[in-house]
Amino acid sequence: MEGGGEGEVERVEDSKDLQQQSKAFDKLTDRVEDRQLDSTRVQEAMASIAASSEADWNAMRLREKELAAVKINAADVDIIANELELDKKVAERTLREHKGDAVAAIRHLLH
């Protein structure tokens, strides 16, 4: 009867070993699944950033086209640049942003 007792002890120990191995395997697969989820989140975030960046770029291009279409007086650019001691490009850009209104552009530059 003693031989039967040792067999049961071995089965219990084997069962405990199997349970520990099973838990260890579950932890390992959980980590792999978490990494896959993290990878998916990163890919989604990168796609979102790329889409946002592209939208910003398109908005900036559209804004530049709108500003280029604004008619401005070259004399106004010269006056603003000379009187406020600015680069002509800055004076021109500000004048375009204010739709050619020299008074509004000067007020903006002074504030």
N, C-alpha and C. Protein backbone atom coordinates (compact mmCIF):
# COMPACT_ATOMS: atom_id res chain seq x y z
N MET A 1 0.80 -1.18 0.00
CA MET A 1 0.00 0.00 0.00
C MET A 1 0.85 1.25 0.00
N GLU A 2 2.09 1.13 0.47
CA GLU A 2 2.94 2.30 0.51
C GLU A 2 3.27 2.78 -0.90
N GLY A 3 3.43 1.86 -1.84
CA GLY A 3 3.74 2.21 -3.23
C GLY A 3 2.64 3.05 -3.83
N GLY A 4 1.40 2.78 -3.48
CA GLY A 4 0.27 3.53 -3.99
C GLY A 4 0.28 4.94 -3.46
N GLY A 5 0.75 5.14 -2.21
CA GLY A 5 0.80 6.47 -1.62
C GLY A 5 1.82 7.35 -2.32
N GLU A 6 2.94 6.74 -2.68
CA GLU A 6 3.98 7.53 -3.37
C GLU A 6 3.50 7.94 -4.76
N GLY A 7 2.77 7.11 -5.42
CA GLY A 7 2.23 7.41 -6.75
C GLY A 7 1.28 8.59 -6.69
N GLU A 8 0.48 8.61 -5.63
CA GLU A 8 -0.46 9.73 -5.47
C GLU A 8 0.30 11.02 -5.19
N VAL A 9 1.36 10.95 -4.39
CA VAL A 9 2.16 12.13 -4.08
C VAL A 9 2.80 12.66 -5.37
N GLU A 10 3.30 11.74 -6.20
CA GLU A 10 3.91 12.15 -7.46
C GLU A 10 2.87 12.80 -8.37
N ARG A 11 1.65 12.25 -8.39
CA ARG A 11 0.59 12.81 -9.22
C ARG A 11 0.21 14.20 -8.74
N VAL A 12 0.16 14.38 -7.42
CA VAL A 12 -0.17 15.69 -6.85
C VAL A 12 0.93 16.69 -7.22
N GLU A 13 2.22 16.26 -7.08
CA GLU A 13 3.32 17.13 -7.43
C GLU A 13 3.31 17.44 -8.93
N ASP A 14 3.04 16.42 -9.76
CA ASP A 14 2.95 16.63 -11.20
C ASP A 14 1.82 17.61 -11.51
N SER A 15 0.70 17.44 -10.80
CA SER A 15 -0.44 18.32 -11.00
C SER A 15 -0.08 19.76 -10.63
N LYS A 16 0.65 19.92 -9.52
CA LYS A 16 1.08 21.27 -9.10
C LYS A 16 2.05 21.86 -10.12
N ASP A 17 2.96 21.04 -10.61
CA ASP A 17 3.91 21.49 -11.64
C ASP A 17 3.18 21.92 -12.90
N LEU A 18 2.19 21.10 -13.29
CA LEU A 18 1.42 21.44 -14.48
C LEU A 18 0.65 22.74 -14.29
N GLN A 19 0.10 22.96 -13.09
CA GLN A 19 -0.63 24.19 -12.81
C GLN A 19 0.31 25.39 -12.86
N GLN A 20 1.51 25.24 -12.29
CA GLN A 20 2.48 26.32 -12.31
C GLN A 20 2.93 26.62 -13.74
N GLN A 21 3.16 25.58 -14.50
CA GLN A 21 3.56 25.77 -15.89
C GLN A 21 2.44 26.43 -16.69
N SER A 22 1.23 26.01 -16.39
CA SER A 22 0.08 26.59 -17.08
C SER A 22 -0.04 28.08 -16.76
N LYS A 23 0.13 28.43 -15.48
CA LYS A 23 0.07 29.85 -15.08
C LYS A 23 1.19 30.65 -15.74
N ALA A 24 2.37 30.07 -15.78
CA ALA A 24 3.51 30.76 -16.40
C ALA A 24 3.25 30.96 -17.89
N PHE A 25 2.70 29.95 -18.53
CA PHE A 25 2.39 30.06 -19.95
C PHE A 25 1.32 31.13 -20.19
N ASP A 26 0.30 31.15 -19.32
CA ASP A 26 -0.75 32.17 -19.44
C ASP A 26 -0.17 33.58 -19.30
N LYS A 27 0.73 33.75 -18.35
CA LYS A 27 1.37 35.07 -18.17
C LYS A 27 2.14 35.46 -19.41
N LEU A 28 2.84 34.50 -19.98
CA LEU A 28 3.63 34.76 -21.18
C LEU A 28 2.73 35.15 -22.34
N THR A 29 1.66 34.41 -22.54
CA THR A 29 0.76 34.74 -23.65
C THR A 29 0.04 36.05 -23.40
N ASP A 30 -0.26 36.36 -22.14
CA ASP A 30 -0.88 37.65 -21.82
C ASP A 30 0.06 38.79 -22.21
N ARG A 31 1.35 38.64 -21.94
CA ARG A 31 2.32 39.67 -22.29
C ARG A 31 2.40 39.83 -23.81
N VAL A 32 2.37 38.73 -24.51
CA VAL A 32 2.41 38.79 -25.97
C VAL A 32 1.17 39.51 -26.49
N GLU A 33 0.01 39.17 -25.94
CA GLU A 33 -1.23 39.81 -26.35
C GLU A 33 -1.19 41.30 -26.02
N ASP A 34 -0.68 41.66 -24.85
CA ASP A 34 -0.56 43.07 -24.47
C ASP A 34 0.36 43.81 -25.45
N ARG A 35 1.46 43.17 -25.84
CA ARG A 35 2.38 43.81 -26.79
C ARG A 35 1.70 43.99 -28.14
N GLN A 36 0.90 43.00 -28.54
CA GLN A 36 0.19 43.12 -29.80
C GLN A 36 -0.82 44.26 -29.73
N LEU A 37 -1.52 44.38 -28.60
CA LEU A 37 -2.46 45.48 -28.42
C LEU A 37 -1.73 46.81 -28.42
N ASP A 38 -0.58 46.87 -27.74
CA ASP A 38 0.20 48.09 -27.71
C ASP A 38 0.68 48.44 -29.11
N SER A 39 1.08 47.45 -29.88
CA SER A 39 1.53 47.66 -31.25
C SER A 39 0.39 48.21 -32.09
N THR A 40 -0.79 47.67 -31.90
CA THR A 40 -1.96 48.15 -32.62
C THR A 40 -2.26 49.60 -32.25
N ARG A 41 -2.18 49.91 -30.98
CA ARG A 41 -2.42 51.29 -30.53
C ARG A 41 -1.40 52.24 -31.12
N VAL A 42 -0.16 51.81 -31.16
CA VAL A 42 0.89 52.66 -31.72
C VAL A 42 0.63 52.90 -33.20
N GLN A 43 0.27 51.85 -33.91
CA GLN A 43 -0.02 52.00 -35.35
C GLN A 43 -1.20 52.94 -35.57
N GLU A 44 -2.24 52.82 -34.74
CA GLU A 44 -3.39 53.71 -34.86
C GLU A 44 -3.00 55.15 -34.56
N ALA A 45 -2.18 55.34 -33.53
CA ALA A 45 -1.74 56.68 -33.18
C ALA A 45 -0.89 57.29 -34.29
N MET A 46 -0.01 56.49 -34.86
CA MET A 46 0.84 56.98 -35.95
C MET A 46 -0.01 57.35 -37.17
N ALA A 47 -1.01 56.55 -37.46
CA ALA A 47 -1.90 56.86 -38.59
C ALA A 47 -2.67 58.15 -38.32
N SER A 48 -3.10 58.33 -37.09
CA SER A 48 -3.82 59.54 -36.72
C SER A 48 -2.93 60.77 -36.83
N ILE A 49 -1.69 60.64 -36.39
CA ILE A 49 -0.74 61.75 -36.49
C ILE A 49 -0.47 62.08 -37.95
N ALA A 50 -0.29 61.07 -38.76
CA ALA A 50 -0.03 61.29 -40.19
C ALA A 50 -1.21 61.99 -40.86
N ALA A 51 -2.41 61.56 -40.52
CA ALA A 51 -3.61 62.18 -41.10
C ALA A 51 -3.73 63.63 -40.64
N SER A 52 -3.45 63.87 -39.38
CA SER A 52 -3.51 65.23 -38.84
C SER A 52 -2.46 66.12 -39.49
N SER A 53 -1.28 65.58 -39.65
CA SER A 53 -0.20 66.34 -40.29
C SER A 53 -0.55 66.68 -41.73
N GLU A 54 -1.12 65.73 -42.43
CA GLU A 54 -1.52 65.97 -43.82
C GLU A 54 -2.62 67.02 -43.88
N ALA A 55 -3.57 66.96 -42.97
CA ALA A 55 -4.65 67.95 -42.93
C ALA A 55 -4.08 69.34 -42.65
N ASP A 56 -3.13 69.43 -41.72
CA ASP A 56 -2.49 70.71 -41.42
C ASP A 56 -1.76 71.25 -42.64
N TRP A 57 -1.04 70.37 -43.33
CA TRP A 57 -0.30 70.77 -44.52
C TRP A 57 -1.25 71.28 -45.60
N ASN A 58 -2.36 70.58 -45.80
CA ASN A 58 -3.34 71.01 -46.81
C ASN A 58 -3.97 72.35 -46.42
N ALA A 59 -4.25 72.54 -45.15
CA ALA A 59 -4.82 73.81 -44.69
C ALA A 59 -3.83 74.95 -44.90
N MET A 60 -2.55 74.69 -44.64
CA MET A 60 -1.53 75.71 -44.82
C MET A 60 -1.40 76.07 -46.31
N ARG A 61 -1.42 75.07 -47.17
CA ARG A 61 -1.34 75.33 -48.61
C ARG A 61 -2.53 76.15 -49.09
N LEU A 62 -3.70 75.82 -48.60
CA LEU A 62 -4.91 76.56 -48.96
C LEU A 62 -4.82 78.00 -48.49
N ARG A 63 -4.34 78.20 -47.26
CA ARG A 63 -4.18 79.55 -46.71
C ARG A 63 -3.18 80.36 -47.55
N GLU A 64 -2.08 79.73 -47.95
CA GLU A 64 -1.09 80.42 -48.78
C GLU A 64 -1.68 80.82 -50.13
N LYS A 65 -2.52 79.96 -50.70
CA LYS A 65 -3.17 80.29 -51.97
C LYS A 65 -4.12 81.47 -51.79
N GLU A 66 -4.86 81.47 -50.68
CA GLU A 66 -5.78 82.57 -50.41
C GLU A 66 -5.02 83.89 -50.26
N LEU A 67 -3.90 83.86 -49.53
CA LEU A 67 -3.11 85.07 -49.33
C LEU A 67 -2.49 85.55 -50.64
N ALA A 68 -2.06 84.62 -51.47
CA ALA A 68 -1.46 84.99 -52.75
C ALA A 68 -2.48 85.67 -53.67
N ALA A 69 -3.74 85.34 -53.50
CA ALA A 69 -4.79 85.91 -54.34
C ALA A 69 -5.19 87.33 -53.91
N VAL A 70 -4.78 87.76 -52.72
CA VAL A 70 -5.14 89.09 -52.23
C VAL A 70 -4.35 90.14 -53.00
N LYS A 71 -5.07 91.14 -53.53
CA LYS A 71 -4.44 92.24 -54.26
C LYS A 71 -3.93 93.27 -53.24
N ILE A 72 -2.66 93.61 -53.38
CA ILE A 72 -2.09 94.61 -52.48
C ILE A 72 -1.37 95.67 -53.32
N ASN A 73 -1.23 96.84 -52.72
CA ASN A 73 -0.56 97.95 -53.38
C ASN A 73 0.92 97.92 -52.99
N ALA A 74 1.80 97.94 -53.97
CA ALA A 74 3.24 97.89 -53.70
C ALA A 74 3.69 99.11 -52.90
N ALA A 75 3.03 100.24 -53.12
CA ALA A 75 3.37 101.45 -52.37
C ALA A 75 3.07 101.27 -50.88
N ASP A 76 1.97 100.57 -50.57
CA ASP A 76 1.64 100.30 -49.17
C ASP A 76 2.71 99.43 -48.52
N VAL A 77 3.20 98.44 -49.26
CA VAL A 77 4.26 97.57 -48.74
C VAL A 77 5.50 98.39 -48.43
N ASP A 78 5.88 99.27 -49.37
CA ASP A 78 7.06 100.12 -49.18
C ASP A 78 6.91 101.05 -47.98
N ILE A 79 5.75 101.66 -47.86
CA ILE A 79 5.52 102.60 -46.75
C ILE A 79 5.59 101.86 -45.41
N ILE A 80 4.91 100.72 -45.31
CA ILE A 80 4.91 99.95 -44.05
C ILE A 80 6.32 99.48 -43.73
N ALA A 81 7.02 98.95 -44.71
CA ALA A 81 8.38 98.45 -44.48
C ALA A 81 9.32 99.57 -44.05
N ASN A 82 9.25 100.73 -44.72
CA ASN A 82 10.15 101.84 -44.39
C ASN A 82 9.80 102.51 -43.07
N GLU A 83 8.54 102.78 -42.86
CA GLU A 83 8.14 103.51 -41.64
C GLU A 83 8.29 102.66 -40.37
N LEU A 84 8.01 101.39 -40.48
CA LEU A 84 8.10 100.53 -39.29
C LEU A 84 9.41 99.76 -39.23
N GLU A 85 10.28 100.06 -40.19
CA GLU A 85 11.60 99.42 -40.27
C GLU A 85 11.49 97.89 -40.23
N LEU A 86 10.72 97.39 -41.19
CA LEU A 86 10.49 95.95 -41.31
C LEU A 86 11.02 95.44 -42.64
N ASP A 87 11.21 94.16 -42.71
CA ASP A 87 11.55 93.52 -43.97
C ASP A 87 10.31 93.60 -44.87
N LYS A 88 10.53 93.79 -46.14
CA LYS A 88 9.40 93.92 -47.08
C LYS A 88 8.53 92.66 -47.09
N LYS A 89 9.14 91.50 -46.90
CA LYS A 89 8.35 90.26 -46.88
C LYS A 89 7.37 90.25 -45.71
N VAL A 90 7.83 90.74 -44.56
CA VAL A 90 6.95 90.80 -43.38
C VAL A 90 5.83 91.79 -43.63
N ALA A 91 6.17 92.94 -44.18
CA ALA A 91 5.16 93.96 -44.48
C ALA A 91 4.14 93.43 -45.48
N GLU A 92 4.63 92.76 -46.54
CA GLU A 92 3.73 92.22 -47.54
C GLU A 92 2.82 91.14 -46.96
N ARG A 93 3.39 90.24 -46.17
CA ARG A 93 2.60 89.16 -45.57
C ARG A 93 1.51 89.73 -44.66
N THR A 94 1.88 90.69 -43.84
CA THR A 94 0.90 91.29 -42.92
C THR A 94 -0.20 92.00 -43.71
N LEU A 95 0.20 92.70 -44.75
CA LEU A 95 -0.79 93.40 -45.58
C LEU A 95 -1.73 92.40 -46.25
N ARG A 96 -1.21 91.28 -46.72
CA ARG A 96 -2.06 90.24 -47.33
C ARG A 96 -2.99 89.63 -46.29
N GLU A 97 -2.48 89.41 -45.08
CA GLU A 97 -3.32 88.83 -44.03
C GLU A 97 -4.47 89.75 -43.65
N HIS A 98 -4.31 91.03 -43.90
CA HIS A 98 -5.37 92.00 -43.59
C HIS A 98 -6.08 92.46 -44.86
N LYS A 99 -6.03 91.60 -45.87
CA LYS A 99 -6.76 91.79 -47.13
C LYS A 99 -6.46 93.12 -47.80
N GLY A 100 -5.21 93.57 -47.70
CA GLY A 100 -4.78 94.79 -48.37
C GLY A 100 -5.10 96.07 -47.61
N ASP A 101 -5.70 95.95 -46.44
CA ASP A 101 -6.04 97.13 -45.62
C ASP A 101 -4.78 97.58 -44.88
N ALA A 102 -4.17 98.67 -45.35
CA ALA A 102 -2.92 99.16 -44.78
C ALA A 102 -3.08 99.60 -43.33
N VAL A 103 -4.18 100.26 -43.03
CA VAL A 103 -4.41 100.74 -41.66
C VAL A 103 -4.51 99.57 -40.69
N ALA A 104 -5.26 98.54 -41.06
CA ALA A 104 -5.41 97.36 -40.19
C ALA A 104 -4.05 96.64 -40.03
N ALA A 105 -3.28 96.58 -41.11
CA ALA A 105 -1.97 95.92 -41.06
C ALA A 105 -1.04 96.68 -40.12
N ILE A 106 -1.03 98.01 -40.23
CA ILE A 106 -0.17 98.82 -39.34
C ILE A 106 -0.60 98.67 -37.89
N ARG A 107 -1.89 98.73 -37.64
CA ARG A 107 -2.39 98.56 -36.26
C ARG A 107 -1.94 97.20 -35.70
N HIS A 108 -2.05 96.17 -36.52
CA HIS A 108 -1.63 94.83 -36.09
C HIS A 108 -0.13 94.80 -35.75
N LEU A 109 0.66 95.43 -36.58
CA LEU A 109 2.11 95.43 -36.38
C LEU A 109 2.52 96.26 -35.17
N LEU A 110 1.74 97.28 -34.85
CA LEU A 110 2.08 98.12 -33.70
C LEU A 110 1.63 97.55 -32.37
N HIS A 111 0.74 96.60 -32.43
CA HIS A 111 0.26 96.02 -31.16
C HIS A 111 0.93 94.76 -30.93
